[in-house]
Amino acid sequence: GELIRSETEFSRDMSTVIRLYMEPLSRKPDLLASELVRTLFSNLDAIVPLSQQIVHSLEQEVAQQENEYDQIGAVFLQFMDFLKVYKMYISTLPLAITMYR
């Protein structure tokens, strides 16, 4: 369904951002200080694997259920303790946007 598609796209897009921007900039501290790289990209390197795990679990649950909505909540409950990584990302986003501009 839509949730799986959007989470898959998010994961794919953020993997691309990491590969094309975050990782290269992290290897060149003379170009951009490491603390600025961390501010701009936050903890995407922790979010992407979690996002991929959530997608995998959602796909498995949907394949086993007639109604895909029956188990969505259960999947997110399984990952509840790990969803805290999004808090850091969201809390640094306004600063990252300001820095980018």
Protein backbone atom coordinates (compact mmCIF):
# COMPACT_ATOMS: atom_id res chain seq x y z
CA GLY A 1 0.00 0.00 0.00
CA GLU A 2 0.84 3.66 0.16
CA LEU A 3 2.75 3.41 3.45
CA ILE A 4 5.12 0.79 2.06
CA ARG A 5 5.65 2.77 -1.16
CA SER A 6 6.35 6.03 0.63
CA GLU A 7 8.69 4.42 3.19
CA THR A 8 10.52 2.59 0.39
CA GLU A 9 10.94 5.84 -1.54
CA PHE A 10 12.14 7.66 1.59
CA SER A 11 14.68 4.94 2.30
CA ARG A 12 15.90 4.91 -1.31
CA ASP A 13 16.14 8.71 -1.48
CA MET A 14 17.97 9.02 1.83
CA SER A 15 20.37 6.23 0.82
CA THR A 16 21.15 8.28 -2.28
CA VAL A 17 21.72 11.42 -0.18
CA ILE A 18 24.10 9.49 2.07
CA ARG A 19 26.00 7.96 -0.83
CA LEU A 20 26.27 11.09 -2.98
CA TYR A 21 26.61 13.81 -0.35
CA MET A 22 27.02 12.76 3.27
CA GLU A 23 29.75 10.16 2.80
CA PRO A 24 31.88 12.20 0.36
CA LEU A 25 31.62 15.33 2.53
CA SER A 26 32.48 13.30 5.63
CA ARG A 27 35.72 12.22 3.96
CA LYS A 28 36.70 15.82 3.17
CA PRO A 29 36.87 17.78 6.43
CA ASP A 30 38.78 20.54 4.64
CA LEU A 31 35.69 21.15 2.48
CA LEU A 32 33.10 21.02 5.26
CA ALA A 33 33.76 20.55 8.99
CA SER A 34 32.53 17.25 10.40
CA GLU A 35 30.16 18.98 12.85
CA LEU A 36 28.53 20.81 9.93
CA VAL A 37 28.15 17.55 8.02
CA ARG A 38 26.50 16.00 11.10
CA THR A 39 24.19 19.02 11.45
CA LEU A 40 23.20 18.97 7.79
CA PHE A 41 22.64 15.23 7.55
CA SER A 42 21.89 14.45 11.20
CA ASN A 43 21.67 10.72 11.78
CA LEU A 44 20.44 9.58 8.37
CA ASP A 45 22.99 6.78 8.54
CA ALA A 46 20.98 5.33 11.47
CA ILE A 47 17.55 6.10 10.03
CA VAL A 48 17.98 4.41 6.66
CA PRO A 49 18.65 0.87 7.98
CA LEU A 50 15.73 1.23 10.39
CA SER A 51 13.49 2.40 7.58
CA GLN A 52 14.55 -0.59 5.49
CA GLN A 53 13.77 -2.96 8.36
CA ILE A 54 10.34 -1.41 8.82
CA VAL A 55 9.59 -1.78 5.09
CA HIS A 56 10.68 -5.42 5.18
CA SER A 57 8.47 -6.14 8.21
CA LEU A 58 5.50 -4.33 6.67
CA GLU A 59 5.90 -6.27 3.43
CA GLN A 60 6.00 -9.57 5.33
CA GLU A 61 2.91 -8.72 7.38
CA VAL A 62 0.93 -7.47 4.38
CA ALA A 63 1.75 -10.67 2.47
CA GLN A 64 0.30 -12.72 5.35
CA GLN A 65 -2.91 -10.71 5.86
CA GLU A 66 -6.03 -10.21 3.80
CA ASN A 67 -6.38 -6.66 5.09
CA GLU A 68 -3.02 -4.88 4.99
CA TYR A 69 -4.11 -2.48 7.73
CA ASP A 70 -4.55 -5.22 10.33
CA GLN A 71 -0.88 -5.48 11.27
CA ILE A 72 0.58 -2.04 10.52
CA GLY A 73 0.26 -0.95 14.14
CA ALA A 74 1.85 -4.18 15.35
CA VAL A 75 4.85 -3.62 13.08
CA PHE A 76 5.39 -0.11 14.42
CA LEU A 77 5.03 -1.36 17.98
CA GLN A 78 7.85 -3.82 17.28
CA PHE A 79 10.08 -0.90 16.32
CA MET A 80 8.81 1.59 18.90
CA ASP A 81 12.04 1.76 20.90
CA PHE A 82 14.06 2.30 17.74
CA LEU A 83 11.86 5.08 16.36
CA LYS A 84 13.66 7.48 18.70
CA VAL A 85 16.31 7.94 16.03
CA TYR A 86 13.77 10.01 14.10
CA LYS A 87 13.55 12.45 17.04
CA MET A 88 17.15 13.58 16.55
CA TYR A 89 16.63 13.93 12.82
CA ILE A 90 13.48 15.99 13.25
CA SER A 91 14.95 18.15 16.01
CA THR A 92 17.96 19.15 13.89
CA LEU A 93 16.03 19.65 10.65
CA PRO A 94 15.21 23.38 11.13
CA LEU A 95 18.89 24.17 11.75
CA ALA A 96 19.96 22.09 8.77
CA ILE A 97 17.49 23.92 6.53
CA THR A 98 18.74 27.29 7.81
CA MET A 99 22.36 26.26 7.18
CA TYR A 100 21.52 25.02 3.70
CA ARG A 101 19.92 28.32 2.71
